[in-house]
Protein backbone atom coordinates (compact mmCIF):
# COMPACT_ATOMS: atom_id res chain seq x y z
CA MET A 1 -302.30 -23.70 12.59
CA LYS A 2 -300.94 -26.78 14.35
CA ASN A 3 -297.39 -25.43 13.96
CA ILE A 4 -298.46 -22.08 15.41
CA SER A 5 -300.09 -23.79 18.41
CA ARG A 6 -296.98 -25.89 19.00
CA TYR A 7 -294.82 -22.77 18.79
CA LYS A 8 -297.01 -20.97 21.35
CA ASP A 9 -296.89 -23.93 23.71
CA ASN A 10 -293.08 -24.02 23.60
CA ILE A 11 -292.67 -20.38 24.64
CA ARG A 12 -291.70 -19.88 28.29
CA ARG A 13 -293.82 -16.97 29.46
CA LYS A 14 -292.59 -14.60 32.12
CA ILE A 15 -294.47 -14.33 35.43
CA LEU A 16 -294.08 -11.44 37.89
CA ILE A 17 -294.53 -12.59 41.52
CA VAL A 18 -295.32 -9.72 43.92
CA GLU A 19 -295.11 -11.01 47.49
CA ASP A 20 -293.51 -9.30 50.51
CA GLU A 21 -293.04 -12.48 52.57
CA MET A 22 -289.76 -14.09 51.50
CA ILE A 23 -290.82 -17.66 52.31
CA ASN A 24 -294.09 -17.32 50.38
CA ARG A 25 -292.23 -15.67 47.51
CA GLN A 26 -289.72 -18.48 47.29
CA LEU A 27 -292.36 -21.20 47.63
CA LEU A 28 -294.50 -19.72 44.87
CA GLY A 29 -291.44 -19.18 42.71
CA PHE A 30 -290.45 -22.82 43.12
CA ILE A 31 -293.89 -23.95 41.92
CA VAL A 32 -294.16 -21.52 39.03
CA SER A 33 -290.57 -21.78 37.76
CA LYS A 34 -291.18 -25.35 36.61
CA GLU A 35 -293.10 -24.00 33.63
CA TYR A 36 -292.39 -20.25 33.52
CA ASP A 37 -289.61 -17.71 33.86
CA VAL A 38 -290.04 -15.77 37.08
CA VAL A 39 -289.42 -12.14 38.05
CA TYR A 40 -289.82 -11.09 41.70
CA ALA A 41 -290.97 -7.92 43.43
CA GLU A 42 -291.15 -7.44 47.21
CA ASN A 43 -293.75 -4.67 47.18
CA GLY A 44 -296.21 -2.85 44.95
CA MET A 45 -293.90 0.06 44.11
CA GLU A 46 -291.21 -2.31 42.88
CA ALA A 47 -293.80 -4.27 40.88
CA LEU A 48 -295.07 -1.18 39.04
CA LYS A 49 -291.50 -0.15 38.24
CA ILE A 50 -290.84 -3.57 36.69
CA LEU A 51 -294.10 -3.53 34.76
CA ARG A 52 -293.52 -0.05 33.39
CA THR A 53 -290.04 -0.90 32.16
CA LYS A 54 -290.65 -4.49 31.05
CA ASN A 55 -294.40 -4.70 30.47
CA HIS A 56 -294.06 -6.28 27.05
CA GLY A 57 -292.26 -9.24 28.55
CA ILE A 58 -294.63 -9.97 31.44
CA SER A 59 -297.42 -12.44 30.65
CA LEU A 60 -299.09 -12.48 34.07
CA VAL A 61 -298.83 -10.96 37.55
CA LEU A 62 -299.28 -12.96 40.77
CA LEU A 63 -300.13 -10.22 43.28
CA ASP A 64 -300.26 -10.36 47.06
CA LEU A 65 -302.87 -7.93 48.42
CA LEU A 66 -301.52 -7.08 51.86
CA MET A 67 -298.07 -5.52 51.57
CA PRO A 68 -296.19 -2.56 53.04
CA ILE A 69 -295.32 0.57 50.99
CA MET A 70 -298.12 -0.11 48.47
CA SER A 71 -300.96 -2.62 48.87
CA GLY A 72 -302.09 -4.97 46.13
CA PHE A 73 -305.36 -3.06 45.86
CA VAL A 74 -303.46 0.10 44.94
CA VAL A 75 -301.38 -1.85 42.40
CA LEU A 76 -304.60 -3.16 40.84
CA GLU A 77 -305.87 0.42 40.52
CA ARG A 78 -302.60 1.57 38.93
CA ILE A 79 -302.66 -1.32 36.43
CA LYS A 80 -306.29 -0.67 35.60
CA ASP A 81 -305.61 3.04 34.98
CA ASP A 82 -302.50 2.49 32.87
CA PRO A 83 -303.33 1.79 29.19
CA ASN A 84 -299.97 0.06 28.76
CA LEU A 85 -300.58 -2.34 31.66
CA LYS A 86 -304.32 -2.88 31.92
CA ARG A 87 -304.41 -5.87 29.58
CA ILE A 88 -301.84 -7.84 31.58
CA PRO A 89 -303.80 -10.43 33.59
CA VAL A 90 -303.49 -10.34 37.38
CA ILE A 91 -304.13 -13.24 39.75
CA VAL A 92 -304.36 -12.11 43.38
CA LEU A 93 -302.91 -14.04 46.29
CA THR A 94 -305.01 -13.89 49.44
CA SER A 95 -306.27 -15.76 52.46
CA GLU A 96 -309.14 -13.31 53.02
CA LYS A 97 -312.49 -14.30 51.51
CA TYR A 98 -313.77 -10.71 51.35
CA ALA A 99 -310.73 -9.69 49.28
CA GLU A 100 -311.49 -12.15 46.50
CA VAL A 101 -314.68 -10.46 45.33
CA LYS A 102 -313.23 -6.98 45.76
CA SER A 103 -310.12 -7.80 43.75
CA LEU A 104 -312.17 -9.37 40.96
CA GLN A 105 -314.33 -6.25 40.85
CA MET A 106 -311.15 -4.19 40.52
CA GLY A 107 -310.04 -6.12 37.47
CA ALA A 108 -308.17 -9.19 38.73
CA GLN A 109 -308.46 -12.22 36.46
CA ASP A 110 -308.57 -14.85 39.20
CA PHE A 111 -307.35 -15.56 42.71
CA ILE A 112 -305.16 -18.17 44.39
CA PRO A 113 -305.88 -18.84 48.06
CA LYS A 114 -303.15 -19.10 50.65
CA PRO A 115 -301.37 -21.28 51.65
CA TYR A 116 -299.87 -22.47 48.37
CA ASP A 117 -300.46 -26.15 48.98
CA MET A 118 -301.97 -27.15 45.60
CA PRO A 119 -299.26 -26.63 42.94
CA ASP A 120 -301.27 -28.27 40.14
CA VAL A 121 -304.25 -25.96 40.73
CA ILE A 122 -301.96 -22.92 40.79
CA LEU A 123 -300.33 -23.87 37.49
CA ALA A 124 -303.71 -24.64 35.90
CA ARG A 125 -305.11 -21.22 36.87
CA ILE A 126 -302.02 -19.47 35.57
CA LYS A 127 -302.23 -21.35 32.27
CA ARG A 128 -305.91 -20.53 31.86
CA ALA A 129 -305.42 -16.83 32.60
CA ILE A 130 -302.52 -16.51 30.14
CA GLU A 131 -304.41 -18.32 27.39
CA LEU A 132 -307.42 -16.08 27.90
CA PHE A 133 -305.17 -13.01 27.90
CA GLU A 134 -303.41 -13.99 24.67
CA ASP A 135 -306.61 -14.95 22.88
CA THR A 136 -308.24 -11.69 23.93
CA ASN A 137 -305.28 -9.70 22.67
CA LEU A 138 -305.54 -11.37 19.28
CA ILE A 139 -309.17 -10.29 19.05
CA ARG A 140 -308.45 -6.74 20.24
CA ASN A 141 -305.73 -6.33 17.67
CA THR A 142 -308.17 -6.52 14.80
CA GLU A 143 -308.74 -3.29 12.97
CA ARG A 144 -312.28 -2.40 13.99
CA ASP A 145 -314.21 -2.29 17.24
CA SER A 146 -317.03 -4.78 16.73
CA LEU A 147 -319.67 -2.73 18.56
CA THR A 148 -319.15 0.74 17.11
CA GLY A 149 -317.31 0.04 13.87
CA LEU A 150 -314.63 2.56 14.86
CA PHE A 151 -310.92 1.86 14.61
CA THR A 152 -309.21 0.16 17.52
CA LYS A 153 -306.52 2.26 19.18
CA ARG A 154 -303.66 0.35 17.58
CA TYR A 155 -304.91 1.00 14.06
CA PHE A 156 -305.99 4.52 15.00
CA PHE A 157 -302.43 5.45 15.90
CA GLU A 158 -301.02 3.68 12.84
CA TYR A 159 -303.38 5.48 10.45
CA ILE A 160 -302.54 8.83 12.05
CA ARG A 161 -298.83 8.17 11.50
CA GLN A 162 -299.52 7.39 7.85
CA TYR A 163 -301.77 10.45 7.53
CA GLU A 164 -299.11 12.74 8.95
CA GLU A 165 -296.46 11.26 6.71
CA TYR A 166 -298.40 12.39 3.65
CA GLN A 167 -300.13 15.50 4.95
CA GLY A 168 -297.21 17.08 6.79
CA ALA A 169 -297.39 19.52 9.70
CA ILE A 170 -301.08 20.44 9.57
CA PRO A 171 -302.35 21.77 12.94
CA MET A 172 -304.66 19.22 14.56
CA ASP A 173 -306.62 18.85 17.79
CA ALA A 174 -306.47 15.72 19.95
CA VAL A 175 -309.64 15.00 21.93
CA VAL A 176 -310.33 12.35 24.54
CA LEU A 177 -314.03 11.93 25.34
CA ASN A 178 -315.15 9.81 28.29
CA ILE A 179 -318.66 8.89 29.45
CA ARG A 180 -318.88 9.55 33.18
CA ARG A 181 -319.92 6.63 35.40
CA PHE A 182 -320.65 4.46 32.39
CA HIS A 183 -320.56 1.35 34.56
CA MET A 184 -323.55 2.71 36.51
CA ILE A 185 -325.51 3.21 33.27
CA ASN A 186 -324.85 -0.45 32.52
CA GLU A 187 -325.90 -1.43 36.04
CA ILE A 188 -329.12 0.57 36.06
CA HIS A 189 -330.27 0.29 32.45
CA GLY A 190 -328.56 -2.89 31.31
CA HIS A 191 -325.66 -3.64 28.99
CA ALA A 192 -327.81 -3.48 25.86
CA TYR A 193 -328.70 0.12 26.70
CA GLY A 194 -325.04 0.85 27.45
CA ASP A 195 -324.06 -0.57 24.07
CA TYR A 196 -326.69 1.58 22.41
CA LEU A 197 -325.24 4.66 24.11
CA LEU A 198 -321.73 3.78 22.94
CA SER A 199 -322.97 3.25 19.40
CA HIS A 200 -324.76 6.59 19.44
CA VAL A 201 -321.67 8.42 20.67
CA ALA A 202 -319.66 6.72 17.91
CA LYS A 203 -322.27 7.75 15.34
CA ALA A 204 -322.13 11.37 16.49
CA LEU A 205 -318.33 11.44 16.29
CA LYS A 206 -318.34 9.89 12.81
CA SER A 207 -320.95 12.42 11.71
CA LEU A 208 -318.70 15.23 12.93
CA LEU A 209 -315.96 13.98 10.60
CA ASN A 210 -318.26 14.41 7.60
CA ASP A 211 -317.53 18.12 7.92
CA TYR A 212 -314.00 18.07 9.31
CA GLU A 213 -310.91 16.11 8.30
CA GLY A 214 -309.96 13.59 10.96
CA ILE A 215 -310.14 10.10 12.44
CA VAL A 216 -311.83 8.57 15.50
CA CYS A 217 -311.49 5.40 17.57
CA ARG A 218 -312.94 3.76 20.62
CA THR A 219 -310.23 2.81 23.11
CA ASP A 220 -311.63 1.47 26.36
CA SER A 221 -315.27 0.60 26.91
CA ASP A 222 -316.37 4.19 27.54
CA THR A 223 -313.59 6.29 26.01
CA PHE A 224 -313.14 7.70 22.51
CA TYR A 225 -310.15 9.34 20.82
CA LEU A 226 -310.73 11.98 18.16
CA PHE A 227 -308.01 13.56 16.00
CA PHE A 228 -309.21 16.23 13.62
CA GLU A 229 -308.27 19.54 12.03
CA HIS A 230 -307.67 22.37 14.48
CA GLN A 231 -310.78 24.31 15.60
CA GLU A 232 -310.57 27.79 17.09
CA GLU A 233 -313.97 27.27 18.77
CA ILE A 234 -313.59 23.60 19.56
CA GLU A 235 -316.10 23.56 22.44
CA LYS A 236 -318.80 24.98 20.17
CA THR A 237 -317.92 22.45 17.46
CA LEU A 238 -318.18 19.54 19.90
CA ASN A 239 -321.31 20.92 21.58
CA ASP A 240 -323.15 21.39 18.29
CA ASN A 241 -322.12 18.11 16.69
CA VAL A 242 -321.73 15.66 19.57
CA LEU A 243 -323.02 16.71 23.00
CA THR A 244 -326.30 18.19 21.73
CA THR A 245 -327.19 15.12 19.66
CA ILE A 246 -326.45 12.82 22.60
CA ASN A 247 -328.61 14.88 24.97
CA LYS A 248 -331.49 14.89 22.47
CA GLU A 249 -331.35 11.11 22.07
CA PHE A 250 -331.10 10.30 25.79
CA VAL A 251 -333.69 12.57 27.36
CA GLY A 252 -334.17 11.83 31.07
CA ILE A 253 -330.88 9.93 31.32
CA ASN A 254 -327.99 11.75 32.91
CA VAL A 255 -325.26 11.12 30.36
CA GLY A 256 -322.31 13.07 31.73
CA LEU A 257 -319.24 13.59 29.59
CA ARG A 258 -315.72 14.75 30.31
CA VAL A 259 -313.53 15.90 27.46
CA GLY A 260 -309.76 16.38 27.47
CA ILE A 261 -308.28 18.50 24.68
CA TYR A 262 -304.75 19.03 23.45
CA GLN A 263 -304.95 21.71 20.78
CA ASN A 264 -302.98 22.76 17.75
CA VAL A 265 -300.50 19.86 17.69
CA THR A 266 -298.29 18.90 14.76
CA SER A 267 -296.37 15.84 13.63
CA ARG A 268 -293.29 16.97 15.54
CA MET A 269 -294.66 15.07 18.56
CA ASP A 270 -295.27 11.35 18.91
CA ILE A 271 -299.00 10.67 18.51
CA GLU A 272 -299.17 8.50 21.63
CA ASP A 273 -297.61 11.27 23.71
CA ILE A 274 -300.16 13.70 22.30
CA PHE A 275 -303.08 11.54 23.41
CA ASP A 276 -301.46 10.79 26.76
CA ARG A 277 -301.62 14.53 27.39
CA ALA A 278 -305.21 14.86 26.22
CA LEU A 279 -306.09 11.90 28.44
CA HIS A 280 -304.31 13.54 31.36
CA ALA A 281 -306.50 16.61 30.90
CA CYS A 282 -309.61 14.41 30.69
CA ASN A 283 -308.69 12.49 33.86
CA GLY A 284 -308.26 15.78 35.67
CA LEU A 285 -312.06 16.15 35.49
CA ARG A 286 -312.81 12.90 37.33
CA ASN A 287 -313.93 14.58 40.53
CA ASN A 288 -315.06 17.78 38.83
CA TYR A 289 -318.72 17.47 37.86
CA LYS A 290 -319.13 21.13 37.02
CA ASP A 291 -316.88 21.34 33.96
CA VAL A 292 -317.07 19.31 30.76
CA TYR A 293 -313.86 20.46 29.06
CA ALA A 294 -310.26 20.55 30.21
CA TYR A 295 -307.25 21.62 28.16
CA TYR A 296 -303.74 20.29 28.34
CA ASP A 297 -301.49 23.33 28.36
CA GLU A 298 -298.02 24.37 29.39
CA SER A 299 -299.02 24.86 33.03
CA MET A 300 -300.38 21.30 33.20
CA HIS A 301 -297.21 20.01 31.55
CA ASN A 302 -295.08 21.93 34.04
CA LYS A 303 -297.15 20.53 36.92
CA GLU A 304 -296.59 16.99 35.63
CA ILE A 305 -292.85 17.61 35.58
CA TYR A 306 -293.01 19.26 39.01
CA ASP A 307 -294.95 16.31 40.47
CA GLU A 308 -292.56 13.79 38.95
CA ARG A 309 -289.60 15.64 40.41
CA LEU A 310 -291.17 15.66 43.87
CA LEU A 311 -291.87 11.94 43.65
CA ALA A 312 -288.35 11.18 42.46
CA GLN A 313 -286.84 13.25 45.28
CA PHE A 314 -289.13 12.04 48.08
CA ASP A 315 -286.93 9.28 49.53
CA ASP A 316 -283.84 11.47 49.40
CA ALA A 317 -285.76 14.32 51.04
CA LEU A 318 -286.73 12.03 53.93
CA ASP A 319 -283.11 10.94 54.39
CA LYS A 320 -281.79 14.50 54.26
CA GLY A 321 -284.23 15.88 56.83
CA GLN A 322 -286.17 18.12 54.46
CA PHE A 323 -289.42 17.02 56.11
CA MET A 324 -290.17 18.63 59.45
CA VAL A 325 -292.91 17.98 61.96
CA TYR A 326 -294.70 21.09 63.22
CA TYR A 327 -297.16 21.15 66.12
CA GLN A 328 -300.37 23.14 66.44
CA PRO A 329 -301.71 23.48 70.00
CA LYS A 330 -305.23 22.50 71.05
CA TYR A 331 -306.74 24.27 74.04
CA ASN A 332 -309.48 23.12 76.39
CA ILE A 333 -311.88 26.05 76.83
CA LYS A 334 -314.34 24.53 79.31
CA GLY A 335 -312.89 26.36 82.33
CA ASP A 336 -312.27 30.00 83.12
CA GLU A 337 -308.95 30.05 81.29
CA PRO A 338 -307.97 28.04 78.18
CA ARG A 339 -305.61 25.18 79.01
CA LEU A 340 -303.12 23.53 76.67
CA THR A 341 -304.46 20.01 76.36
CA SER A 342 -302.90 18.44 73.24
CA ALA A 343 -301.35 19.15 69.84
CA GLU A 344 -301.65 18.07 66.24
CA ALA A 345 -298.55 16.97 64.32
CA LEU A 346 -298.43 18.55 60.86
CA VAL A 347 -295.69 17.80 58.34
CA ARG A 348 -293.88 20.39 56.22
CA TRP A 349 -291.51 19.87 53.29
CA ASN A 350 -288.72 22.45 53.19
CA HIS A 351 -287.48 21.84 49.66
CA PRO A 352 -284.01 23.25 48.83
CA GLU A 353 -285.23 24.55 45.44
CA TYR A 354 -288.98 25.16 45.87
CA GLY A 355 -288.94 26.34 49.47
CA LEU A 356 -291.74 25.41 51.87
CA ILE A 357 -294.17 23.18 49.92
CA SER A 358 -297.79 23.08 51.04
CA PRO A 359 -299.01 19.72 52.39
CA GLY A 360 -302.02 20.24 50.12
CA VAL A 361 -299.61 19.71 47.22
CA PHE A 362 -297.40 16.82 48.28
CA ILE A 363 -299.74 14.74 50.48
CA PRO A 364 -302.31 13.97 47.73
CA LEU A 365 -299.38 13.27 45.39
CA LEU A 366 -297.87 10.76 47.82
CA GLU A 367 -301.29 9.20 48.44
CA ASP A 368 -301.88 8.71 44.72
CA ASN A 369 -298.48 7.10 44.25
CA GLY A 370 -298.40 4.78 47.25
CA LEU A 371 -295.77 6.68 49.26
CA ILE A 372 -297.93 8.15 52.01
CA GLN A 373 -297.20 5.30 54.45
CA LYS A 374 -293.51 6.21 54.50
CA LEU A 375 -294.37 9.79 55.36
CA ASP A 376 -296.94 8.75 57.98
CA ARG A 377 -294.39 6.58 59.75
CA PHE A 378 -291.89 9.42 59.72
CA VAL A 379 -294.46 11.70 61.39
CA TRP A 380 -295.55 9.04 63.90
CA ASN A 381 -291.95 8.44 64.98
CA GLY A 382 -291.18 12.15 65.12
CA ALA A 383 -294.26 12.92 67.22
CA ALA A 384 -293.63 10.04 69.59
CA GLU A 385 -289.99 11.02 70.04
CA GLN A 386 -290.95 14.63 70.71
CA ALA A 387 -293.64 13.61 73.19
CA HIS A 388 -291.04 11.64 75.14
CA ILE A 389 -288.64 14.61 75.16
CA TRP A 390 -291.34 16.88 76.57
CA ASN A 391 -292.36 14.22 79.11
CA VAL A 392 -288.83 14.10 80.49
CA LYS A 393 -287.98 17.80 80.24
CA TYR A 394 -291.22 19.23 81.62
CA ASN A 395 -292.80 16.26 83.39
CA PHE A 396 -295.79 17.10 81.20
CA GLN A 397 -297.61 14.48 79.14
CA LEU A 398 -298.96 16.14 76.01
CA PRO A 399 -301.05 13.92 73.70
CA ILE A 400 -300.24 14.47 70.01
CA SER A 401 -302.64 13.82 67.14
CA VAL A 402 -301.21 12.09 64.06
CA ASN A 403 -302.91 11.34 60.77
CA VAL A 404 -303.70 7.74 59.82
CA SER A 405 -304.28 7.53 56.07
CA ARG A 406 -306.66 5.15 54.34
CA VAL A 407 -303.77 3.03 53.16
CA ASP A 408 -302.55 2.68 56.75
CA ILE A 409 -305.94 1.47 57.91
CA TYR A 410 -305.88 -1.49 55.53
CA ASP A 411 -302.36 -2.45 56.60
CA GLN A 412 -302.55 -5.58 58.75
CA GLN A 413 -299.32 -4.48 60.48
CA LEU A 414 -300.78 -1.15 61.61
CA GLU A 415 -301.37 -2.19 65.21
CA SER A 416 -297.93 -3.75 65.67
CA THR A 417 -296.26 -0.78 63.93
CA LEU A 418 -297.87 1.75 66.27
CA LEU A 419 -297.13 -0.35 69.36
CA ASP A 420 -293.49 -0.66 68.29
CA ILE A 421 -293.28 3.12 67.90
CA VAL A 422 -294.69 3.97 71.35
CA HIS A 423 -292.50 1.31 72.99
CA LEU A 424 -289.40 2.52 71.14
CA HIS A 425 -289.92 6.09 72.33
CA HIS A 426 -291.08 5.18 75.84
CA ILE A 427 -294.49 6.82 75.75
CA GLU A 428 -297.96 5.48 76.51
CA PRO A 429 -300.34 4.71 73.60
CA LYS A 430 -302.75 7.36 74.88
CA GLN A 431 -300.20 10.01 73.93
CA LEU A 432 -300.72 9.26 70.23
CA LEU A 433 -304.17 10.40 69.15
CA LEU A 434 -304.99 8.68 65.86
CA GLU A 435 -306.88 10.89 63.40
CA ILE A 436 -308.99 9.06 60.80
CA THR A 437 -311.13 10.99 58.32
CA GLU A 438 -314.89 10.48 58.32
CA SER A 439 -314.85 9.51 54.64
CA ALA A 440 -312.53 6.58 55.41
CA TYR A 441 -315.15 5.11 57.75
CA THR A 442 -317.82 5.16 55.06
CA ASN A 443 -315.72 3.13 52.61
CA ASP A 444 -315.36 0.03 54.76
CA ALA A 445 -317.02 0.64 58.12
CA LYS A 446 -316.92 -2.98 59.31
CA GLY A 447 -313.26 -3.52 58.47
CA ILE A 448 -312.16 -0.23 59.98
CA ILE A 449 -314.21 -0.71 63.14
CA ASN A 450 -312.45 -4.02 63.73
CA SER A 451 -309.02 -2.41 63.42
CA ILE A 452 -309.98 0.52 65.63
CA LYS A 453 -311.34 -1.72 68.38
CA HIS A 454 -307.96 -3.40 68.60
CA LEU A 455 -306.15 -0.06 68.71
CA ARG A 456 -308.42 1.30 71.45
CA ALA A 457 -307.91 -1.89 73.44
CA ASP A 458 -304.17 -1.17 73.26
CA GLY A 459 -304.76 2.29 74.77
CA PHE A 460 -304.76 4.50 71.68
CA LYS A 461 -307.36 7.26 71.39
CA ILE A 462 -309.25 7.71 68.13
CA GLU A 463 -310.29 11.03 66.61
CA MET A 464 -312.72 11.25 63.68
CA ASP A 465 -311.30 14.02 61.52
CA ASP A 466 -313.29 16.34 59.21
CA PHE A 467 -316.57 15.37 60.90
CA GLY A 468 -319.57 16.70 59.00
CA THR A 469 -317.95 16.69 55.55
CA GLY A 470 -318.49 13.00 54.75
CA TYR A 471 -321.57 10.93 54.05
CA SER A 472 -321.84 8.76 57.11
CA SER A 473 -325.28 8.12 58.57
CA LEU A 474 -326.11 8.96 62.16
CA ASN A 475 -326.73 5.28 62.75
CA MET A 476 -323.22 4.46 61.59
CA VAL A 477 -321.62 7.22 63.64
CA SER A 478 -323.42 6.07 66.77
CA ASN A 479 -321.79 2.64 66.45
CA LEU A 480 -318.26 3.82 65.77
CA PRO A 481 -315.60 3.27 68.46
CA ILE A 482 -314.22 6.82 68.68
CA ASP A 483 -313.09 9.16 71.45
CA VAL A 484 -313.12 12.57 69.75
CA LEU A 485 -315.00 14.29 66.91
CA LYS A 486 -313.20 17.06 65.03
CA ILE A 487 -315.49 19.63 63.38
CA ASP A 488 -314.08 20.64 60.02
CA ARG A 489 -312.87 24.24 59.72
CA GLU A 490 -315.25 24.89 56.78
CA PHE A 491 -318.13 25.06 59.27
CA ILE A 492 -316.19 27.30 61.65
CA ILE A 493 -315.12 29.90 59.05
CA HIS A 494 -318.64 31.16 58.35
CA MET A 495 -320.42 30.30 61.59
CA CYS A 496 -320.50 33.93 62.74
CA THR A 497 -321.99 35.20 59.48
CA SER A 498 -324.08 32.24 58.34
CA ASP A 499 -327.03 30.99 60.38
CA LYS A 500 -326.87 27.74 58.43
CA ASP A 501 -323.25 27.05 59.41
CA LYS A 502 -323.90 28.15 62.99
CA LYS A 503 -326.82 25.73 63.23
CA MET A 504 -324.71 22.97 61.72
CA VAL A 505 -322.03 23.48 64.39
CA GLU A 506 -324.71 23.30 67.08
CA ILE A 507 -326.01 20.04 65.59
CA LEU A 508 -322.51 18.54 65.49
CA LEU A 509 -321.94 19.54 69.12
CA ASN A 510 -325.25 17.94 70.09
CA ILE A 511 -324.23 14.75 68.31
CA SER A 512 -320.96 14.66 70.27
CA ASP A 513 -322.92 15.08 73.51
CA LEU A 514 -325.25 12.29 72.50
CA LEU A 515 -322.31 9.99 71.77
CA GLY A 516 -320.51 10.99 74.95
CA VAL A 517 -317.29 12.03 73.19
CA SER A 518 -315.20 15.20 73.23
CA VAL A 519 -315.29 17.61 70.32
CA VAL A 520 -312.49 19.67 68.75
CA ALA A 521 -313.28 22.69 66.56
CA GLU A 522 -310.62 23.25 63.88
CA GLY A 523 -309.66 26.50 62.17
CA VAL A 524 -310.69 28.92 64.91
CA GLU A 525 -309.20 32.29 63.95
CA THR A 526 -311.17 35.06 65.68
CA LYS A 527 -312.31 35.97 69.17
CA GLU A 528 -315.89 36.05 67.89
CA GLN A 529 -315.61 32.40 66.84
CA PHE A 530 -313.94 31.55 70.15
CA ASP A 531 -316.69 33.20 72.20
CA MET A 532 -319.47 31.57 70.18
CA LEU A 533 -317.94 28.10 70.49
CA LYS A 534 -317.39 28.53 74.22
CA LYS A 535 -321.01 29.60 74.65
CA MET A 536 -322.16 26.55 72.66
CA GLY A 537 -320.23 24.26 75.00
CA CYS A 538 -317.38 23.21 72.71
CA ASP A 539 -314.63 21.31 74.55
CA ILE A 540 -311.44 22.03 72.64
CA ILE A 541 -310.39 24.40 69.88
CA GLN A 542 -307.38 24.72 67.62
CA GLY A 543 -306.49 27.35 65.09
CA PHE A 544 -304.66 30.61 64.48
CA TYR A 545 -306.63 32.30 67.27
CA PHE A 546 -304.17 30.64 69.64
CA SER A 547 -301.30 29.73 67.38
CA LYS A 548 -300.22 28.66 63.94
CA PRO A 549 -298.36 25.32 63.68
CA LEU A 550 -294.93 25.69 65.28
CA PRO A 551 -291.61 23.84 65.14
CA ALA A 552 -290.88 21.84 68.28
CA ASP A 553 -288.53 24.40 69.87
CA GLN A 554 -291.10 27.19 69.58
CA PHE A 555 -293.95 24.96 70.72
CA ALA A 556 -291.92 24.15 73.84
CA LYS A 557 -292.47 27.75 75.00
CA LEU A 558 -296.23 27.09 75.12
CA ILE A 559 -295.59 24.07 77.33
CA GLU A 560 -293.33 26.12 79.60
CA GLU A 561 -296.05 28.75 79.91
CA GLU A 562 -298.69 26.10 80.65
CA VAL A 563 -296.48 24.45 83.29
CA LYS A 564 -295.80 27.82 84.88
CA ASN A 565 -299.46 28.87 84.98
CA SER A 566 -300.68 25.54 86.31
CA GLY A 567 -297.96 25.13 88.90
CA HIS A 568 -297.23 21.73 87.37
CA ASN A 569 -293.92 20.13 88.37
């Protein structure tokens, strides 16, 4: 044992330093390189690429939280969600006290405060985290899960490989079963109760295998893998043998399950790939509380490939001008005649192979993969440049709304970035209307309010987008520094046929009056909706009733018409 300990101590572990500031990166590298080999990344995207190609060689990650392209918080989420990366310890680098607790809650092992003026403390924390990581891995690599008695994932996969070697190409089903919001069950009922639930799920799964050939393991704290002989009515089999017994045992407790299934697989595929696909199906139910089962099929596989292609081509698409900014007009309807008052910038991807791709497809994809900031900056610059062109050509200042994503809001450089853009394109800040969704406010109201106050002081106007669809309280809304409320189109669509939606629109308009801010109704498509909103006292509307989103050259005709009608020079 002494020889083993000496051998471990003589190994130079590899540390990944993720820090966008060059001076900080070099300073930290100088401290750490005395005892460890060092790999550097300048941003979160680069860090994940290194981890996913070299994860077996990285012993620890030193992660800055506030970075462009992809923040440290997003990197933490990616590491936590990746079974190949989640056991690598992460120490966050921060000067913000609030970030320490948040990062620890997200799975960070420890934190190192800035500035890096205590090298001995830094090295001691790194050593402790690595030792804990390595000792934990030794324990996890034992054959059985100590709580449930099921196989650990490593042995689970190994036994399946051996099974298939002897049994041949027998059709099997791969099942991933996850307990929804298991952490909340622990919080509310205690860890002992949570352990009892896990044990009971394990017992039900083992009981199922008394009747069917197969093997089961517990992977993460609340996730189980099941590999058993193919079932034509697999949902009935799982309902009768697993879900029903769990519901009977835990009466009065909402034990929600989500189950991903990859059916009828054979030994031609690698077992880890099989369960990656079943897990992908299971994860697709995260925000779907209606369905219990999801199947990995060819369409899901094709979508994965499609998404990966879009991600791989994104940077090139930006460079080649495949993204275009369209503009949808907003009209003030308070007077006798509607007047063009502003526009919303909306991005479109004209893909050479797939044609015009819906923003509903590529924007969530970019958000999930940390690329949305690049696209946002492209739109901000394009809108600002176009506003300047129209200012000069028509002597007409048209404010343009641009989306500010959640990632942007947490970027400490947001204010300076926006100011640089308006200065570069010679427009006033008030010509960029910054749209922030209501749900973003509810996540971190205090932090966002601080940022918005600074932006408003600079002259930017703030619009709360999708108002009425989030979960903000009236008290919170009354204290928000905003200039415009945008009523989500879902309320507008049915307002002429649904008394409930009509009343909701009236309430939202009353709230805007109470707050003393303007209101924009989105998605107005019919004259009936237009007339009703005008009668209610709505300020501004946008939607197909006036115009669909237009490219800049076509939108210019609306400006020309407005200038002509108003006698504006």
